Amino acid sequence: MKSAITISLVHEAKGGPFVFWHDIPKACAQAAALGFDAVELFPPQAWGFDVDLLKSTLKDHNLAVAAMGTGAGKVKHNLTLTSVNEGIREQAREFVAAMIDCAAEYNAPVIIGSMQQSSERIDRQAALQYFKEAIEDLAPLAAKKNQILLIEPLNRYETNLLNTVQQGLEFLSSLKAENVRLLLDVFHMNIEEQNIPQVIRLAGSAVGHVHFADSNRRAVGFGHIDFRPTIHALRDTGYNGYLSAEILPWPNSEAAAAQTIESFKALMA
């Protein structure tokens, strides 16, 4: 398994669970100095950042892009894939499609988390149908770029669509697309799952990415979760992707990053 740390470029997400903010060269330099393998990027939109600067900085520091998040679609542009408004749903698809193209430039998958949840009142089954239609439309675009598409179950306080691994697996089984995987966020799982290692083993090869966050959404080791059984379960599934710290920058970005890599190295050992 490999390590990754988050960088947000979205002003509207201020206060959210991202370690580094806005300054790509500084964030990448700090990540590399600590020994991270990659960064996970949250841009305001596709190509909504200095593309050449990112490419050169990644090369200088021997870093990869673990994934790109689409959360700005909702927090900045008020777009969701399950809106009752057909026009908004179409704009949301176009937003994600452009992100797929952008992320593919870095050989990275795209994450769909908060864009699954509409802020409007809508029947859950109707929302699931809208979401399914969107993913069936978007997954082939990712496949053409040799990428998977990541769907993140979120806790009940953030969505009523997909909360648990079991719900995520049921959703995946309903799709024709074969390149869709689950992003398992341990913070959300700690709220929704009775037995985290058990459901990881249940997910098996459907695990495409992991958010490495403790019970309080701080760096691993700053909460109460014992991560050793979780790591054992991931190893049992054959998972060799990223453990990416989508966490609060507490007490500050540097300390959160340092704690994350210390915990990562201890668990990998």
C-alpha atoms as a PDB file:
ATOM      1  CA  MET A   1       0.000   0.000   0.000  1.00  0.00           C
ATOM      2  CA  LYS A   2       1.070   3.565  -0.704  1.00  0.00           C
ATOM      3  CA  SER A   3       0.645   6.863   1.134  1.00  0.00           C
ATOM      4  CA  ALA A   4      -1.087  10.033  -0.052  1.00  0.00           C
ATOM      5  CA  ILE A   5      -1.977  13.414   1.408  1.00  0.00           C
ATOM      6  CA  THR A   6      -4.717  15.836   0.356  1.00  0.00           C
ATOM      7  CA  ILE A   7      -4.413  19.292  -1.221  1.00  0.00           C
ATOM      8  CA  SER A   8      -7.501  21.468  -1.627  1.00  0.00           C
ATOM      9  CA  LEU A   9      -7.587  24.317  -4.150  1.00  0.00           C
ATOM     10  CA  VAL A  10     -11.228  25.170  -3.386  1.00  0.00           C
ATOM     11  CA  HIS A  11     -11.756  28.359  -1.357  1.00  0.00           C
ATOM     12  CA  GLU A  12     -15.381  27.425  -0.655  1.00  0.00           C
ATOM     13  CA  ALA A  13     -14.227  24.237   1.114  1.00  0.00           C
ATOM     14  CA  LYS A  14     -12.380  26.185   3.807  1.00  0.00           C
ATOM     15  CA  GLY A  15     -12.622  24.352   7.111  1.00  0.00           C
ATOM     16  CA  GLY A  16     -13.003  20.995   5.355  1.00  0.00           C
ATOM     17  CA  PRO A  17     -10.951  17.812   5.805  1.00  0.00           C
ATOM     18  CA  PHE A  18      -7.929  18.627   3.680  1.00  0.00           C
ATOM     19  CA  VAL A  19      -4.365  18.794   4.971  1.00  0.00           C
ATOM     20  CA  PHE A  20      -2.745  21.275   2.590  1.00  0.00           C
ATOM     21  CA  TRP A  21      -4.361  24.269   0.916  1.00  0.00           C
ATOM     22  CA  HIS A  22      -3.810  26.178  -2.335  1.00  0.00           C
ATOM     23  CA  ASP A  23      -0.010  26.320  -2.544  1.00  0.00           C
ATOM     24  CA  ILE A  24       0.896  23.381  -4.785  1.00  0.00           C
ATOM     25  CA  PRO A  25       4.714  23.789  -4.718  1.00  0.00           C
ATOM     26  CA  LYS A  26       4.847  24.175  -0.938  1.00  0.00           C
ATOM     27  CA  ALA A  27       2.408  21.313  -0.315  1.00  0.00           C
ATOM     28  CA  CYS A  28       4.251  18.941  -2.642  1.00  0.00           C
ATOM     29  CA  ALA A  29       7.619  19.871  -1.160  1.00  0.00           C
ATOM     30  CA  GLN A  30       6.349  19.147   2.350  1.00  0.00           C
ATOM     31  CA  ALA A  31       4.691  15.892   1.260  1.00  0.00           C
ATOM     32  CA  ALA A  32       7.864  14.684  -0.424  1.00  0.00           C
ATOM     33  CA  ALA A  33      10.068  15.676   2.504  1.00  0.00           C
ATOM     34  CA  LEU A  34       7.903  13.563   4.807  1.00  0.00           C
ATOM     35  CA  GLY A  35       8.025  10.579   2.465  1.00  0.00           C
ATOM     36  CA  PHE A  36       4.541  10.507   0.924  1.00  0.00           C
ATOM     37  CA  ASP A  37       4.103   8.687  -2.370  1.00  0.00           C
ATOM     38  CA  ALA A  38       1.356  10.895  -3.807  1.00  0.00           C
ATOM     39  CA  VAL A  39      -1.039  13.765  -3.374  1.00  0.00           C
ATOM     40  CA  GLU A  40      -4.831  13.707  -3.705  1.00  0.00           C
ATOM     41  CA  LEU A  41      -6.048  16.877  -5.377  1.00  0.00           C
ATOM     42  CA  PHE A  42      -9.334  18.758  -4.984  1.00  0.00           C
ATOM     43  CA  PRO A  43      -9.495  21.434  -7.714  1.00  0.00           C
ATOM     44  CA  PRO A  44     -12.282  23.977  -8.224  1.00  0.00           C
ATOM     45  CA  GLN A  45     -12.960  22.479 -11.649  1.00  0.00           C
ATOM     46  CA  ALA A  46     -11.173  20.547 -14.371  1.00  0.00           C
ATOM     47  CA  TRP A  47      -7.956  22.334 -15.284  1.00  0.00           C
ATOM     48  CA  GLY A  48      -8.899  24.967 -12.690  1.00  0.00           C
ATOM     49  CA  PHE A  49      -5.277  25.216 -11.595  1.00  0.00           C
ATOM     50  CA  ASP A  50      -1.835  25.713 -13.110  1.00  0.00           C
ATOM     51  CA  VAL A  51      -1.477  22.413 -14.967  1.00  0.00           C
ATOM     52  CA  ASP A  52       2.134  22.944 -16.015  1.00  0.00           C
ATOM     53  CA  LEU A  53       3.115  23.933 -12.486  1.00  0.00           C
ATOM     54  CA  LEU A  54       1.539  20.782 -11.048  1.00  0.00           C
ATOM     55  CA  LYS A  55       3.232  18.525 -13.599  1.00  0.00           C
ATOM     56  CA  SER A  56       6.663  20.045 -13.054  1.00  0.00           C
ATOM     57  CA  THR A  57       6.268  20.038  -9.265  1.00  0.00           C
ATOM     58  CA  LEU A  58       5.200  16.390  -9.207  1.00  0.00           C
ATOM     59  CA  LYS A  59       8.190  15.477 -11.353  1.00  0.00           C
ATOM     60  CA  ASP A  60      10.604  17.477  -9.187  1.00  0.00           C
ATOM     61  CA  HIS A  61       9.422  15.698  -6.045  1.00  0.00           C
ATOM     62  CA  ASN A  62       8.772  12.242  -7.548  1.00  0.00           C
ATOM     63  CA  LEU A  63       5.111  12.327  -6.514  1.00  0.00           C
ATOM     64  CA  ALA A  64       2.041  10.833  -8.195  1.00  0.00           C
ATOM     65  CA  VAL A  65      -1.586  11.956  -8.108  1.00  0.00           C
ATOM     66  CA  ALA A  66      -3.531   9.362  -6.127  1.00  0.00           C
ATOM     67  CA  ALA A  67      -6.975  10.678  -7.142  1.00  0.00           C
ATOM     68  CA  MET A  68      -8.926  13.833  -7.913  1.00  0.00           C
ATOM     69  CA  GLY A  69     -12.033  14.829  -5.999  1.00  0.00           C
ATOM     70  CA  THR A  70     -15.151  16.361  -7.532  1.00  0.00           C
ATOM     71  CA  GLY A  71     -16.534  17.900  -4.340  1.00  0.00           C
ATOM     72  CA  ALA A  72     -16.198  21.420  -5.746  1.00  0.00           C
ATOM     73  CA  GLY A  73     -19.011  20.515  -8.102  1.00  0.00           C
ATOM     74  CA  LYS A  74     -21.350  20.781  -5.144  1.00  0.00           C
ATOM     75  CA  VAL A  75     -19.688  23.190  -2.710  1.00  0.00           C
ATOM     76  CA  LYS A  76     -18.609  25.716  -5.352  1.00  0.00           C
ATOM     77  CA  HIS A  77     -20.943  25.202  -8.315  1.00  0.00           C
ATOM     78  CA  ASN A  78     -24.082  23.804  -6.590  1.00  0.00           C
ATOM     79  CA  LEU A  79     -24.215  20.793  -8.902  1.00  0.00           C
ATOM     80  CA  THR A  80     -25.327  17.288  -7.964  1.00  0.00           C
ATOM     81  CA  LEU A  81     -25.916  14.154  -9.990  1.00  0.00           C
ATOM     82  CA  THR A  82     -29.284  13.550  -8.283  1.00  0.00           C
ATOM     83  CA  SER A  83     -30.944  16.954  -8.583  1.00  0.00           C
ATOM     84  CA  VAL A  84     -34.637  16.989  -9.471  1.00  0.00           C
ATOM     85  CA  ASN A  85     -33.669  19.533 -12.128  1.00  0.00           C
ATOM     86  CA  GLU A  86     -32.614  17.750 -15.317  1.00  0.00           C
ATOM     87  CA  GLY A  87     -30.513  20.715 -16.412  1.00  0.00           C
ATOM     88  CA  ILE A  88     -28.511  20.661 -13.167  1.00  0.00           C
ATOM     89  CA  ARG A  89     -27.994  16.900 -13.469  1.00  0.00           C
ATOM     90  CA  GLU A  90     -26.646  17.398 -16.992  1.00  0.00           C
ATOM     91  CA  GLN A  91     -24.301  20.162 -15.876  1.00  0.00           C
ATOM     92  CA  ALA A  92     -23.118  17.904 -13.037  1.00  0.00           C
ATOM     93  CA  ARG A  93     -22.326  15.119 -15.501  1.00  0.00           C
ATOM     94  CA  GLU A  94     -20.416  17.537 -17.704  1.00  0.00           C
ATOM     95  CA  PHE A  95     -18.447  18.721 -14.666  1.00  0.00           C
ATOM     96  CA  VAL A  96     -17.467  15.165 -13.716  1.00  0.00           C
ATOM     97  CA  ALA A  97     -16.717  14.203 -17.337  1.00  0.00           C
ATOM     98  CA  ALA A  98     -14.272  17.092 -17.613  1.00  0.00           C
ATOM     99  CA  MET A  99     -12.675  16.046 -14.326  1.00  0.00           C
ATOM    100  CA  ILE A 100     -12.210  12.519 -15.690  1.00  0.00           C
ATOM    101  CA  ASP A 101     -10.325  13.930 -18.679  1.00  0.00           C
ATOM    102  CA  CYS A 102      -8.219  16.133 -16.425  1.00  0.00           C
ATOM    103  CA  ALA A 103      -7.395  13.413 -13.880  1.00  0.00           C
ATOM    104  CA  ALA A 104      -6.447  10.991 -16.636  1.00  0.00           C
ATOM    105  CA  GLU A 105      -3.586  13.345 -17.552  1.00  0.00           C
ATOM    106  CA  TYR A 106      -2.073  12.264 -14.230  1.00  0.00           C
ATOM    107  CA  ASN A 107      -3.162   8.611 -14.487  1.00  0.00           C
ATOM    108  CA  ALA A 108      -5.539   9.215 -11.590  1.00  0.00           C
ATOM    109  CA  PRO A 109      -9.136   8.153 -10.894  1.00  0.00           C
ATOM    110  CA  VAL A 110     -11.942  10.569 -10.060  1.00  0.00           C
ATOM    111  CA  ILE A 111     -13.868  10.472  -6.773  1.00  0.00           C
ATOM    112  CA  ILE A 112     -17.621  10.989  -6.590  1.00  0.00           C
ATOM    113  CA  GLY A 113     -18.620  11.714  -3.015  1.00  0.00           C
ATOM    114  CA  SER A 114     -20.668  14.785  -2.163  1.00  0.00           C
ATOM    115  CA  MET A 115     -21.939  15.185  -5.737  1.00  0.00           C
ATOM    116  CA  GLN A 116     -24.159  12.156  -5.167  1.00  0.00           C
ATOM    117  CA  GLN A 117     -26.360  14.012  -2.688  1.00  0.00           C
ATOM    118  CA  SER A 118     -29.019  16.496  -3.729  1.00  0.00           C
ATOM    119  CA  SER A 119     -29.842  19.368  -1.375  1.00  0.00           C
ATOM    120  CA  GLU A 120     -33.465  19.150  -2.540  1.00  0.00           C
ATOM    121  CA  ARG A 121     -36.091  16.831  -1.116  1.00  0.00           C
ATOM    122  CA  ILE A 122     -36.172  13.790  -3.338  1.00  0.00           C
ATOM    123  CA  ASP A 123     -37.235  10.192  -2.876  1.00  0.00           C
ATOM    124  CA  ARG A 124     -34.213   7.968  -2.244  1.00  0.00           C
ATOM    125  CA  GLN A 125     -35.149   5.458  -4.929  1.00  0.00           C
ATOM    126  CA  ALA A 126     -35.584   8.247  -7.464  1.00  0.00           C
ATOM    127  CA  ALA A 127     -32.202   9.677  -6.458  1.00  0.00           C
ATOM    128  CA  LEU A 128     -30.574   6.248  -6.784  1.00  0.00           C
ATOM    129  CA  GLN A 129     -31.983   5.930 -10.291  1.00  0.00           C
ATOM    130  CA  TYR A 130     -30.618   9.344 -11.277  1.00  0.00           C
ATOM    131  CA  PHE A 131     -27.271   8.394  -9.748  1.00  0.00           C
ATOM    132  CA  LYS A 132     -27.199   5.077 -11.580  1.00  0.00           C
ATOM    133  CA  GLU A 133     -27.941   6.782 -14.895  1.00  0.00           C
ATOM    134  CA  ALA A 134     -25.134   9.265 -14.276  1.00  0.00           C
ATOM    135  CA  ILE A 135     -22.574   6.609 -13.379  1.00  0.00           C
ATOM    136  CA  GLU A 136     -23.515   4.456 -16.376  1.00  0.00           C
ATOM    137  CA  ASP A 137     -22.899   7.537 -18.507  1.00  0.00           C
ATOM    138  CA  LEU A 138     -19.625   8.538 -16.845  1.00  0.00           C
ATOM    139  CA  ALA A 139     -17.947   5.177 -16.234  1.00  0.00           C
ATOM    140  CA  PRO A 140     -17.327   4.465 -19.950  1.00  0.00           C
ATOM    141  CA  LEU A 141     -15.569   7.840 -20.228  1.00  0.00           C
ATOM    142  CA  ALA A 142     -13.207   6.767 -17.448  1.00  0.00           C
ATOM    143  CA  ALA A 143     -12.756   3.353 -19.084  1.00  0.00           C
ATOM    144  CA  LYS A 144     -11.641   5.012 -22.322  1.00  0.00           C
ATOM    145  CA  LYS A 145      -8.922   6.701 -20.267  1.00  0.00           C
ATOM    146  CA  ASN A 146      -7.995   3.362 -18.628  1.00  0.00           C
ATOM    147  CA  GLN A 147      -9.274   4.622 -15.303  1.00  0.00           C
ATOM    148  CA  ILE A 148     -11.689   3.413 -12.664  1.00  0.00           C
ATOM    149  CA  LEU A 149     -14.426   5.611 -11.214  1.00  0.00           C
ATOM    150  CA  LEU A 150     -14.586   5.847  -7.414  1.00  0.00           C
ATOM    151  CA  ILE A 151     -17.880   6.000  -5.503  1.00  0.00           C
ATOM    152  CA  GLU A 152     -17.642   7.006  -1.838  1.00  0.00           C
ATOM    153  CA  PRO A 153     -20.295   5.946   0.686  1.00  0.00           C
ATOM    154  CA  LEU A 154     -20.767   8.819   3.137  1.00  0.00           C
ATOM    155  CA  ASN A 155     -22.173   8.848   6.648  1.00  0.00           C
ATOM    156  CA  ARG A 156     -25.863   9.466   7.349  1.00  0.00           C
ATOM    157  CA  TYR A 157     -25.283  13.103   8.303  1.00  0.00           C
ATOM    158  CA  GLU A 158     -23.997  13.863   4.794  1.00  0.00           C
ATOM    159  CA  THR A 159     -26.257  11.750   2.572  1.00  0.00           C
ATOM    160  CA  ASN A 160     -29.136   9.284   2.610  1.00  0.00           C
ATOM    161  CA  LEU A 161     -28.061   7.697  -0.670  1.00  0.00           C
ATOM    162  CA  LEU A 162     -25.105   5.382  -0.004  1.00  0.00           C
ATOM    163  CA  ASN A 163     -24.004   5.097   3.631  1.00  0.00           C
ATOM    164  CA  THR A 164     -22.591   1.608   4.038  1.00  0.00           C
ATOM    165  CA  VAL A 165     -20.279  -0.736   2.184  1.00  0.00           C
ATOM    166  CA  GLN A 166     -23.186  -3.129   1.663  1.00  0.00           C
ATOM    167  CA  GLN A 167     -25.244  -0.375   0.013  1.00  0.00           C
ATOM    168  CA  GLY A 168     -22.249   0.519  -2.125  1.00  0.00           C
ATOM    169  CA  LEU A 169     -21.819  -3.079  -3.237  1.00  0.00           C
ATOM    170  CA  GLU A 170     -25.504  -3.371  -4.068  1.00  0.00           C
ATOM    171  CA  PHE A 171     -25.246  -0.222  -6.154  1.00  0.00           C
ATOM    172  CA  LEU A 172     -22.185  -1.544  -8.000  1.00  0.00           C
ATOM    173  CA  SER A 173     -23.971  -4.826  -8.703  1.00  0.00           C
ATOM    174  CA  SER A 174     -26.803  -2.904 -10.377  1.00  0.00           C
ATOM    175  CA  LEU A 175     -24.443  -1.325 -12.913  1.00  0.00           C
ATOM    176  CA  LYS A 176     -23.486  -2.537 -16.364  1.00  0.00           C
ATOM    177  CA  ALA A 177     -20.195  -0.660 -16.052  1.00  0.00           C
ATOM    178  CA  GLU A 178     -17.343  -2.811 -14.757  1.00  0.00           C
ATOM    179  CA  ASN A 179     -14.775  -0.117 -13.917  1.00  0.00           C
ATOM    180  CA  VAL A 180     -16.521   1.369 -10.868  1.00  0.00           C
ATOM    181  CA  ARG A 181     -15.030   0.779  -7.422  1.00  0.00           C
ATOM    182  CA  LEU A 182     -15.715   1.879  -3.860  1.00  0.00           C
ATOM    183  CA  LEU A 183     -13.756   4.478  -1.971  1.00  0.00           C
ATOM    184  CA  LEU A 184     -13.775   3.383   1.663  1.00  0.00           C
ATOM    185  CA  ASP A 185     -13.349   6.265   4.100  1.00  0.00           C
ATOM    186  CA  VAL A 186     -12.564   4.959   7.569  1.00  0.00           C
ATOM    187  CA  PHE A 187     -14.036   8.075   9.211  1.00  0.00           C
ATOM    188  CA  HIS A 188     -17.427   7.417   7.596  1.00  0.00           C
ATOM    189  CA  MET A 189     -17.135   3.672   8.213  1.00  0.00           C
ATOM    190  CA  ASN A 190     -16.553   4.275  11.914  1.00  0.00           C
ATOM    191  CA  ILE A 191     -19.996   5.912  12.046  1.00  0.00           C
ATOM    192  CA  GLU A 192     -21.907   3.474   9.835  1.00  0.00           C
ATOM    193  CA  GLU A 193     -20.311   0.030  10.130  1.00  0.00           C
ATOM    194  CA  GLN A 194     -20.480  -2.437  13.013  1.00  0.00           C
ATOM    195  CA  ASN A 195     -17.256  -4.198  12.012  1.00  0.00           C
ATOM    196  CA  ILE A 196     -14.881  -2.335   9.702  1.00  0.00           C
ATOM    197  CA  PRO A 197     -12.472  -5.223   8.935  1.00  0.00           C
ATOM    198  CA  GLN A 198     -15.419  -7.536   8.193  1.00  0.00           C
ATOM    199  CA  VAL A 199     -16.980  -5.223   5.619  1.00  0.00           C
ATOM    200  CA  ILE A 200     -13.605  -4.546   4.007  1.00  0.00           C
ATOM    201  CA  ARG A 201     -13.254  -8.276   3.429  1.00  0.00           C
ATOM    202  CA  LEU A 202     -16.829  -8.322   2.136  1.00  0.00           C
ATOM    203  CA  ALA A 203     -15.943  -5.598  -0.366  1.00  0.00           C
ATOM    204  CA  GLY A 204     -12.856  -7.494  -1.530  1.00  0.00           C
ATOM    205  CA  SER A 205     -11.728  -6.463  -5.007  1.00  0.00           C
ATOM    206  CA  ALA A 206     -14.367  -3.699  -5.106  1.00  0.00           C
ATOM    207  CA  VAL A 207     -12.098  -1.554  -2.917  1.00  0.00           C
ATOM    208  CA  GLY A 208     -10.518   1.027  -5.212  1.00  0.00           C
ATOM    209  CA  HIS A 209      -9.224   3.667  -2.796  1.00  0.00           C
ATOM    210  CA  VAL A 210      -9.057   4.284   0.959  1.00  0.00           C
ATOM    211  CA  HIS A 211      -9.335   7.490   2.957  1.00  0.00           C
ATOM    212  CA  PHE A 212      -7.004   7.123   5.934  1.00  0.00           C
ATOM    213  CA  ALA A 213      -8.744   9.075   8.699  1.00  0.00           C
ATOM    214  CA  ASP A 214      -9.334   8.498  12.389  1.00  0.00           C
ATOM    215  CA  SER A 215     -12.632   8.548  14.309  1.00  0.00           C
ATOM    216  CA  ASN A 216     -12.616  12.342  14.732  1.00  0.00           C
ATOM    217  CA  ARG A 217     -11.483  12.991  11.140  1.00  0.00           C
ATOM    218  CA  ARG A 218      -8.035  13.893  12.373  1.00  0.00           C
ATOM    219  CA  ALA A 219      -4.805  12.146  11.466  1.00  0.00           C
ATOM    220  CA  VAL A 220      -4.586   8.445  12.250  1.00  0.00           C
ATOM    221  CA  GLY A 221      -3.377   8.177  15.824  1.00  0.00           C
ATOM    222  CA  PHE A 222      -5.216  11.315  16.941  1.00  0.00           C
ATOM    223  CA  GLY A 223      -8.500   9.384  17.379  1.00  0.00           C
ATOM    224  CA  HIS A 224      -9.568   6.090  18.951  1.00  0.00           C
ATOM    225  CA  ILE A 225      -9.602   3.592  16.050  1.00  0.00           C
ATOM    226  CA  ASP A 226      -7.213   0.634  16.205  1.00  0.00           C
ATOM    227  CA  PHE A 227      -6.107   0.510  12.566  1.00  0.00           C
ATOM    228  CA  ARG A 228      -4.208  -2.759  12.738  1.00  0.00           C
ATOM    229  CA  PRO A 229      -7.262  -4.966  12.017  1.00  0.00           C
ATOM    230  CA  THR A 230      -8.235  -2.613   9.182  1.00  0.00           C
ATOM    231  CA  ILE A 231      -4.809  -2.929   7.558  1.00  0.00           C
ATOM    232  CA  HIS A 232      -4.885  -6.713   7.967  1.00  0.00           C
ATOM    233  CA  ALA A 233      -8.276  -6.808   6.244  1.00  0.00           C
ATOM    234  CA  LEU A 234      -7.040  -4.671   3.361  1.00  0.00           C
ATOM    235  CA  ARG A 235      -4.050  -6.953   2.938  1.00  0.00           C
ATOM    236  CA  ASP A 236      -6.355  -9.964   2.929  1.00  0.00           C
ATOM    237  CA  THR A 237      -8.259  -8.469  -0.024  1.00  0.00           C
ATOM    238  CA  GLY A 238      -5.025  -7.908  -1.940  1.00  0.00           C
ATOM    239  CA  TYR A 239      -5.459  -4.140  -1.867  1.00  0.00           C
ATOM    240  CA  ASN A 240      -2.272  -2.351  -2.936  1.00  0.00           C
ATOM    241  CA  GLY A 241      -3.604   1.154  -3.605  1.00  0.00           C
ATOM    242  CA  TYR A 242      -3.386   4.373  -1.633  1.00  0.00           C
ATOM    243  CA  LEU A 243      -4.136   5.188   1.979  1.00  0.00           C
ATOM    244  CA  SER A 244      -4.934   8.852   1.520  1.00  0.00           C
ATOM    245  CA  ALA A 245      -5.314  11.306   4.386  1.00  0.00           C
ATOM    246  CA  GLU A 246      -8.528  13.237   3.809  1.00  0.00           C
ATOM    247  CA  ILE A 247      -8.394  14.722   7.278  1.00  0.00           C
ATOM    248  CA  LEU A 248      -8.679  17.971   9.185  1.00  0.00           C
ATOM    249  CA  PRO A 249      -5.396  19.921   9.362  1.00  0.00           C
ATOM    250  CA  TRP A 250      -5.301  19.629  13.155  1.00  0.00           C
ATOM    251  CA  PRO A 251      -3.535  21.089  15.030  1.00  0.00           C
ATOM    252  CA  ASN A 252      -2.037  22.402  11.797  1.00  0.00           C
ATOM    253  CA  SER A 253      -1.214  21.076   8.347  1.00  0.00           C
ATOM    254  CA  GLU A 254       2.386  20.178   9.125  1.00  0.00           C
ATOM    255  CA  ALA A 255       1.566  18.278  12.318  1.00  0.00           C
ATOM    256  CA  ALA A 256      -1.330  16.436  10.683  1.00  0.00           C
ATOM    257  CA  ALA A 257       0.851  15.350   7.774  1.00  0.00           C
ATOM    258  CA  ALA A 258       3.689  14.271  10.058  1.00  0.00           C
ATOM    259  CA  GLN A 259       1.335  12.228  12.257  1.00  0.00           C
ATOM    260  CA  THR A 260      -0.192  10.602   9.183  1.00  0.00           C
ATOM    261  CA  ILE A 261       3.090   9.400   7.712  1.00  0.00           C
ATOM    262  CA  GLU A 262       4.318   8.237  11.131  1.00  0.00           C
ATOM    263  CA  SER A 263       1.176   6.138  11.570  1.00  0.00           C
ATOM    264  CA  PHE A 264       1.366   4.869   7.994  1.00  0.00           C
ATOM    265  CA  LYS A 265       4.952   3.688   8.394  1.00  0.00           C
ATOM    266  CA  ALA A 266       4.218   2.037  11.745  1.00  0.00           C
ATOM    267  CA  LEU A 267       1.232   0.146  10.317  1.00  0.00           C
ATOM    268  CA  MET A 268       3.089  -0.918   7.186  1.00  0.00           C
ATOM    269  CA  ALA A 269       5.920  -2.252   9.332  1.00  0.00           C
END
